[in-house]
PDB file of N, CA and C in Angstrom:
ATOM      1  N   MET A   1      -4.348  -5.756  -8.390  1.00  0.00           N
ATOM      2  CA  MET A   1      -3.776  -6.527  -7.320  1.00  0.00           C
ATOM      3  C   MET A   1      -4.549  -7.846  -7.253  1.00  0.00           C
ATOM      4  N   LEU A   2      -3.909  -8.932  -7.605  1.00  0.00           N
ATOM      5  CA  LEU A   2      -4.583 -10.222  -7.627  1.00  0.00           C
ATOM      6  C   LEU A   2      -4.479 -10.963  -6.302  1.00  0.00           C
ATOM      7  N   ASP A   3      -3.402 -10.756  -5.557  1.00  0.00           N
ATOM      8  CA  ASP A   3      -3.208 -11.411  -4.271  1.00  0.00           C
ATOM      9  C   ASP A   3      -3.304 -10.343  -3.194  1.00  0.00           C
ATOM     10  N   TYR A   4      -4.401 -10.342  -2.422  1.00  0.00           N
ATOM     11  CA  TYR A   4      -4.651  -9.279  -1.446  1.00  0.00           C
ATOM     12  C   TYR A   4      -3.886  -9.538  -0.153  1.00  0.00           C
ATOM     13  N   PRO A   5      -2.966  -8.627   0.230  1.00  0.00           N
ATOM     14  CA  PRO A   5      -2.199  -8.801   1.469  1.00  0.00           C
ATOM     15  C   PRO A   5      -3.010  -8.395   2.693  1.00  0.00           C
ATOM     16  N   LEU A   6      -2.531  -8.753   3.866  1.00  0.00           N
ATOM     17  CA  LEU A   6      -3.214  -8.413   5.105  1.00  0.00           C
ATOM     18  C   LEU A   6      -2.717  -7.058   5.610  1.00  0.00           C
ATOM     19  N   GLN A   7      -3.447  -6.036   5.369  1.00  0.00           N
ATOM     20  CA  GLN A   7      -3.277  -4.663   5.851  1.00  0.00           C
ATOM     21  C   GLN A   7      -2.098  -3.873   5.319  1.00  0.00           C
ATOM     22  N   LYS A   8      -0.950  -4.461   5.096  1.00  0.00           N
ATOM     23  CA  LYS A   8       0.211  -3.669   4.677  1.00  0.00           C
ATOM     24  C   LYS A   8       0.780  -4.192   3.355  1.00  0.00           C
ATOM     25  N   PHE A   9       1.063  -3.262   2.465  1.00  0.00           N
ATOM     26  CA  PHE A   9       1.672  -3.590   1.187  1.00  0.00           C
ATOM     27  C   PHE A   9       2.879  -2.672   1.028  1.00  0.00           C
ATOM     28  N   THR A  10       4.088  -3.246   1.028  1.00  0.00           N
ATOM     29  CA  THR A  10       5.315  -2.460   1.008  1.00  0.00           C
ATOM     30  C   THR A  10       5.746  -2.139  -0.422  1.00  0.00           C
ATOM     31  N   LEU A  11       6.060  -0.864  -0.639  1.00  0.00           N
ATOM     32  CA  LEU A  11       6.584  -0.410  -1.923  1.00  0.00           C
ATOM     33  C   LEU A  11       8.033   0.002  -1.695  1.00  0.00           C
ATOM     34  N   LYS A  12       8.928  -0.719  -2.303  1.00  0.00           N
ATOM     35  CA  LYS A  12      10.363  -0.483  -2.120  1.00  0.00           C
ATOM     36  C   LYS A  12      10.819   0.763  -2.887  1.00  0.00           C
ATOM     37  N   GLY A  13      11.569   1.625  -2.199  1.00  0.00           N
ATOM     38  CA  GLY A  13      12.173   2.785  -2.834  1.00  0.00           C
ATOM     39  C   GLY A  13      11.224   3.891  -3.257  1.00  0.00           C
ATOM     40  N   MET A  14      10.002   3.921  -2.709  1.00  0.00           N
ATOM     41  CA  MET A  14       9.015   4.912  -3.144  1.00  0.00           C
ATOM     42  C   MET A  14       8.811   6.061  -2.153  1.00  0.00           C
ATOM     43  N   LYS A  15       9.582   6.097  -1.070  1.00  0.00           N
ATOM     44  CA  LYS A  15       9.409   7.154  -0.074  1.00  0.00           C
ATOM     45  C   LYS A  15       9.675   8.519  -0.711  1.00  0.00           C
ATOM     46  N   GLY A  16       8.735   9.452  -0.488  1.00  0.00           N
ATOM     47  CA  GLY A  16       8.863  10.795  -1.023  1.00  0.00           C
ATOM     48  C   GLY A  16       8.450  10.946  -2.472  1.00  0.00           C
ATOM     49  N   LYS A  17       8.032   9.862  -3.106  1.00  0.00           N
ATOM     50  CA  LYS A  17       7.662   9.911  -4.519  1.00  0.00           C
ATOM     51  C   LYS A  17       6.154   9.850  -4.753  1.00  0.00           C
ATOM     52  N   ILE A  18       5.398   9.457  -3.727  1.00  0.00           N
ATOM     53  CA  ILE A  18       3.949   9.274  -3.863  1.00  0.00           C
ATOM     54  C   ILE A  18       3.223  10.458  -3.241  1.00  0.00           C
ATOM     55  N   LYS A  19       2.330  11.063  -4.016  1.00  0.00           N
ATOM     56  CA  LYS A  19       1.531  12.185  -3.525  1.00  0.00           C
ATOM     57  C   LYS A  19       0.243  11.691  -2.874  1.00  0.00           C
ATOM     58  N   TYR A  20      -0.433  10.710  -3.504  1.00  0.00           N
ATOM     59  CA  TYR A  20      -1.745  10.253  -3.043  1.00  0.00           C
ATOM     60  C   TYR A  20      -2.024   8.878  -3.631  1.00  0.00           C
ATOM     61  N   THR A  21      -2.697   8.015  -2.867  1.00  0.00           N
ATOM     62  CA  THR A  21      -3.115   6.700  -3.382  1.00  0.00           C
ATOM     63  C   THR A  21      -4.579   6.467  -3.068  1.00  0.00           C
ATOM     64  N   GLN A  22      -5.251   5.747  -3.971  1.00  0.00           N
ATOM     65  CA  GLN A  22      -6.664   5.433  -3.766  1.00  0.00           C
ATOM     66  C   GLN A  22      -7.023   4.157  -4.527  1.00  0.00           C
ATOM     67  N   PHE A  23      -8.155   3.558  -4.126  1.00  0.00           N
ATOM     68  CA  PHE A  23      -8.695   2.427  -4.883  1.00  0.00           C
ATOM     69  C   PHE A  23      -9.399   2.994  -6.108  1.00  0.00           C
ATOM     70  N   LEU A  24      -9.193   2.379  -7.250  1.00  0.00           N
ATOM     71  CA  LEU A  24      -9.783   2.864  -8.490  1.00  0.00           C
ATOM     72  C   LEU A  24     -11.298   2.658  -8.514  1.00  0.00           C
ATOM     73  N   ASN A  25     -11.793   1.582  -7.884  1.00  0.00           N
ATOM     74  CA  ASN A  25     -13.221   1.259  -7.968  1.00  0.00           C
ATOM     75  C   ASN A  25     -14.119   2.259  -7.240  1.00  0.00           C
ATOM     76  N   ASP A  26     -13.672   2.834  -6.116  1.00  0.00           N
ATOM     77  CA  ASP A  26     -14.539   3.752  -5.363  1.00  0.00           C
ATOM     78  C   ASP A  26     -13.840   5.041  -4.914  1.00  0.00           C
ATOM     79  N   ALA A  27     -12.603   5.234  -5.326  1.00  0.00           N
ATOM     80  CA  ALA A  27     -11.810   6.432  -5.012  1.00  0.00           C
ATOM     81  C   ALA A  27     -11.575   6.626  -3.518  1.00  0.00           C
ATOM     82  N   SER A  28     -11.658   5.551  -2.723  1.00  0.00           N
ATOM     83  CA  SER A  28     -11.371   5.690  -1.291  1.00  0.00           C
ATOM     84  C   SER A  28      -9.866   5.755  -1.082  1.00  0.00           C
ATOM     85  N   GLU A  29      -9.458   6.639  -0.177  1.00  0.00           N
ATOM     86  CA  GLU A  29      -8.046   6.903   0.057  1.00  0.00           C
ATOM     87  C   GLU A  29      -7.348   5.730   0.740  1.00  0.00           C
ATOM     88  N   ILE A  30      -6.107   5.494   0.353  1.00  0.00           N
ATOM     89  CA  ILE A  30      -5.251   4.497   0.992  1.00  0.00           C
ATOM     90  C   ILE A  30      -4.154   5.269   1.709  1.00  0.00           C
ATOM     91  N   LYS A  31      -4.054   5.080   3.008  1.00  0.00           N
ATOM     92  CA  LYS A  31      -3.045   5.787   3.801  1.00  0.00           C
ATOM     93  C   LYS A  31      -1.658   5.239   3.512  1.00  0.00           C
ATOM     94  N   ILE A  32      -0.662   6.116   3.630  1.00  0.00           N
ATOM     95  CA  ILE A  32       0.738   5.757   3.428  1.00  0.00           C
ATOM     96  C   ILE A  32       1.442   5.872   4.774  1.00  0.00           C
ATOM     97  N   SER A  33       2.227   4.847   5.142  1.00  0.00           N
ATOM     98  CA  SER A  33       2.965   4.887   6.405  1.00  0.00           C
ATOM     99  C   SER A  33       4.387   4.384   6.197  1.00  0.00           C
ATOM    100  N   ASN A  34       5.218   4.611   7.191  1.00  0.00           N
ATOM    101  CA  ASN A  34       6.582   4.090   7.169  1.00  0.00           C
ATOM    102  C   ASN A  34       6.569   2.642   7.622  1.00  0.00           C
ATOM    103  N   PRO A  35       7.354   1.772   6.990  1.00  0.00           N
ATOM    104  CA  PRO A  35       7.408   0.384   7.434  1.00  0.00           C
ATOM    105  C   PRO A  35       8.086   0.297   8.804  1.00  0.00           C
ATOM    106  N   VAL A  36       7.569  -0.609   9.636  1.00  0.00           N
ATOM    107  CA  VAL A  36       8.156  -0.842  10.954  1.00  0.00           C
ATOM    108  C   VAL A  36       8.510  -2.311  11.078  1.00  0.00           C
ATOM    109  N   GLY A  37       9.476  -2.617  11.907  1.00  0.00           N
ATOM    110  CA  GLY A  37       9.863  -4.012  12.119  1.00  0.00           C
ATOM    111  C   GLY A  37       8.798  -4.769  12.882  1.00  0.00           C
ATOM    112  N   ASN A  38       8.746  -6.063  12.661  1.00  0.00           N
ATOM    113  CA  ASN A  38       7.829  -6.929  13.404  1.00  0.00           C
ATOM    114  C   ASN A  38       8.481  -8.285  13.586  1.00  0.00           C
ATOM    115  N   CYS A  39       7.715  -9.244  14.053  1.00  0.00           N
ATOM    116  CA  CYS A  39       8.295 -10.555  14.354  1.00  0.00           C
ATOM    117  C   CYS A  39       8.685 -11.346  13.101  1.00  0.00           C
ATOM    118  N   ILE A  40       8.158 -10.956  11.944  1.00  0.00           N
ATOM    119  CA  ILE A  40       8.518 -11.633  10.703  1.00  0.00           C
ATOM    120  C   ILE A  40       9.726 -10.920  10.107  1.00  0.00           C
ATOM    121  N   LYS A  41      10.783 -11.673   9.828  1.00  0.00           N
ATOM    122  CA  LYS A  41      11.984 -11.049   9.263  1.00  0.00           C
ATOM    123  C   LYS A  41      11.680 -10.566   7.854  1.00  0.00           C
ATOM    124  N   LYS A  42      11.817  -9.261   7.687  1.00  0.00           N
ATOM    125  CA  LYS A  42      11.513  -8.663   6.402  1.00  0.00           C
ATOM    126  C   LYS A  42      12.511  -7.546   6.147  1.00  0.00           C
ATOM    127  N   GLU A  43      13.107  -7.541   4.995  1.00  0.00           N
ATOM    128  CA  GLU A  43      14.080  -6.515   4.640  1.00  0.00           C
ATOM    129  C   GLU A  43      13.343  -5.222   4.305  1.00  0.00           C
ATOM    130  N   VAL A  44      13.574  -4.170   5.088  1.00  0.00           N
ATOM    131  CA  VAL A  44      13.015  -2.862   4.790  1.00  0.00           C
ATOM    132  C   VAL A  44      14.144  -1.840   4.823  1.00  0.00           C
ATOM    133  N   SER A  45      14.027  -0.840   3.979  1.00  0.00           N
ATOM    134  CA  SER A  45      15.048   0.208   3.947  1.00  0.00           C
ATOM    135  C   SER A  45      14.391   1.555   4.216  1.00  0.00           C
ATOM    136  N   ALA A  46      15.205   2.571   4.377  1.00  0.00           N
ATOM    137  CA  ALA A  46      14.703   3.909   4.677  1.00  0.00           C
ATOM    138  C   ALA A  46      13.869   4.481   3.529  1.00  0.00           C
ATOM    139  N   GLY A  47      14.020   3.966   2.331  1.00  0.00           N
ATOM    140  CA  GLY A  47      13.290   4.473   1.172  1.00  0.00           C
ATOM    141  C   GLY A  47      11.975   3.766   0.894  1.00  0.00           C
ATOM    142  N   ASP A  48      11.580   2.828   1.769  1.00  0.00           N
ATOM    143  CA  ASP A  48      10.352   2.059   1.563  1.00  0.00           C
ATOM    144  C   ASP A  48       9.161   2.728   2.247  1.00  0.00           C
ATOM    145  N   VAL A  49       7.969   2.480   1.730  1.00  0.00           N
ATOM    146  CA  VAL A  49       6.724   2.927   2.357  1.00  0.00           C
ATOM    147  C   VAL A  49       5.729   1.770   2.363  1.00  0.00           C
ATOM    148  N   ASN A  50       4.770   1.840   3.279  1.00  0.00           N
ATOM    149  CA  ASN A  50       3.684   0.868   3.331  1.00  0.00           C
ATOM    150  C   ASN A  50       2.387   1.530   2.913  1.00  0.00           C
ATOM    151  N   LEU A  51       1.585   0.809   2.151  1.00  0.00           N
ATOM    152  CA  LEU A  51       0.208   1.207   1.910  1.00  0.00           C
ATOM    153  C   LEU A  51      -0.621   0.481   2.962  1.00  0.00           C
ATOM    154  N   VAL A  52      -1.430   1.221   3.714  1.00  0.00           N
ATOM    155  CA  VAL A  52      -2.249   0.637   4.775  1.00  0.00           C
ATOM    156  C   VAL A  52      -3.609   0.298   4.172  1.00  0.00           C
ATOM    157  N   LEU A  53      -3.845  -0.996   3.971  1.00  0.00           N
ATOM    158  CA  LEU A  53      -5.063  -1.478   3.315  1.00  0.00           C
ATOM    159  C   LEU A  53      -6.096  -1.925   4.343  1.00  0.00           C
ATOM    160  N   PRO A  54      -7.390  -1.884   3.975  1.00  0.00           N
ATOM    161  CA  PRO A  54      -8.408  -2.410   4.879  1.00  0.00           C
ATOM    162  C   PRO A  54      -8.234  -3.918   5.065  1.00  0.00           C
ATOM    163  N   VAL A  55      -8.663  -4.432   6.210  1.00  0.00           N
ATOM    164  CA  VAL A  55      -8.531  -5.865   6.483  1.00  0.00           C
ATOM    165  C   VAL A  55      -9.361  -6.668   5.494  1.00  0.00           C
ATOM    166  N   THR A  56     -10.554  -6.210   5.215  1.00  0.00           N
ATOM    167  CA  THR A  56     -11.450  -6.898   4.276  1.00  0.00           C
ATOM    168  C   THR A  56     -11.242  -6.350   2.870  1.00  0.00           C
ATOM    169  N   LYS A  57     -10.995  -7.248   1.934  1.00  0.00           N
ATOM    170  CA  LYS A  57     -10.797  -6.840   0.539  1.00  0.00           C
ATOM    171  C   LYS A  57     -12.083  -6.223  -0.010  1.00  0.00           C
ATOM    172  N   PRO A  58     -11.979  -5.094  -0.716  1.00  0.00           N
ATOM    173  CA  PRO A  58     -13.164  -4.513  -1.350  1.00  0.00           C
ATOM    174  C   PRO A  58     -13.804  -5.511  -2.327  1.00  0.00           C
ATOM    175  N   PRO A  59     -15.120  -5.415  -2.504  1.00  0.00           N
ATOM    176  CA  PRO A  59     -15.850  -6.403  -3.311  1.00  0.00           C
ATOM    177  C   PRO A  59     -15.725  -6.203  -4.822  1.00  0.00           C
ATOM    178  N   VAL A  60     -14.524  -6.359  -5.327  1.00  0.00           N
ATOM    179  CA  VAL A  60     -14.294  -6.296  -6.773  1.00  0.00           C
ATOM    180  C   VAL A  60     -13.445  -7.489  -7.176  1.00  0.00           C
ATOM    181  N   GLU A  61     -13.569  -7.885  -8.424  1.00  0.00           N
ATOM    182  CA  GLU A  61     -12.831  -9.060  -8.912  1.00  0.00           C
ATOM    183  C   GLU A  61     -11.320  -8.801  -8.909  1.00  0.00           C
ATOM    184  N   VAL A  62     -10.911  -7.717  -9.558  1.00  0.00           N
ATOM    185  CA  VAL A  62      -9.495  -7.347  -9.598  1.00  0.00           C
ATOM    186  C   VAL A  62      -9.366  -5.960  -8.984  1.00  0.00           C
ATOM    187  N   LEU A  63      -8.612  -5.871  -7.918  1.00  0.00           N
ATOM    188  CA  LEU A  63      -8.448  -4.620  -7.197  1.00  0.00           C
ATOM    189  C   LEU A  63      -7.318  -3.805  -7.831  1.00  0.00           C
ATOM    190  N   VAL A  64      -7.606  -2.526  -8.123  1.00  0.00           N
ATOM    191  CA  VAL A  64      -6.623  -1.640  -8.747  1.00  0.00           C
ATOM    192  C   VAL A  64      -6.347  -0.482  -7.798  1.00  0.00           C
ATOM    193  N   ILE A  65      -5.068  -0.227  -7.542  1.00  0.00           N
ATOM    194  CA  ILE A  65      -4.653   0.906  -6.728  1.00  0.00           C
ATOM    195  C   ILE A  65      -4.098   1.972  -7.672  1.00  0.00           C
ATOM    196  N   GLU A  66      -4.667   3.158  -7.559  1.00  0.00           N
ATOM    197  CA  GLU A  66      -4.239   4.283  -8.374  1.00  0.00           C
ATOM    198  C   GLU A  66      -3.295   5.146  -7.546  1.00  0.00           C
ATOM    199  N   MET A  67      -2.122   5.477  -8.109  1.00  0.00           N
ATOM    200  CA  MET A  67      -1.136   6.297  -7.404  1.00  0.00           C
ATOM    201  C   MET A  67      -0.884   7.578  -8.177  1.00  0.00           C
ATOM    202  N   PHE A  68      -0.868   8.678  -7.433  1.00  0.00           N
ATOM    203  CA  PHE A  68      -0.491   9.963  -8.000  1.00  0.00           C
ATOM    204  C   PHE A  68       0.905  10.257  -7.497  1.00  0.00           C
ATOM    205  N   LEU A  69       1.839  10.410  -8.410  1.00  0.00           N
ATOM    206  CA  LEU A  69       3.232  10.630  -8.041  1.00  0.00           C
ATOM    207  C   LEU A  69       3.550  12.123  -8.008  1.00  0.00           C
ATOM    208  N   LYS A  70       4.559  12.459  -7.212  1.00  0.00           N
ATOM    209  CA  LYS A  70       4.982  13.859  -7.113  1.00  0.00           C
ATOM    210  C   LYS A  70       5.739  14.276  -8.348  1.00  0.00           C
TER     211      LYS A  70
END
């Protein structure tokens, strides 16, 4: 991940397909949540999920998210 988003990273069409997510550098878990509407107009569908990221980017040059699929 070269461009670090602020707390939420939406994965389109991945609902029910992800078993577990973590950062590759330290194996810390990344929580999965359902996307919710907010003041910014954003297209979300029932099949989308959000990865809930820490506010502060982990101290690595290139951040890698490891996903275990069902």
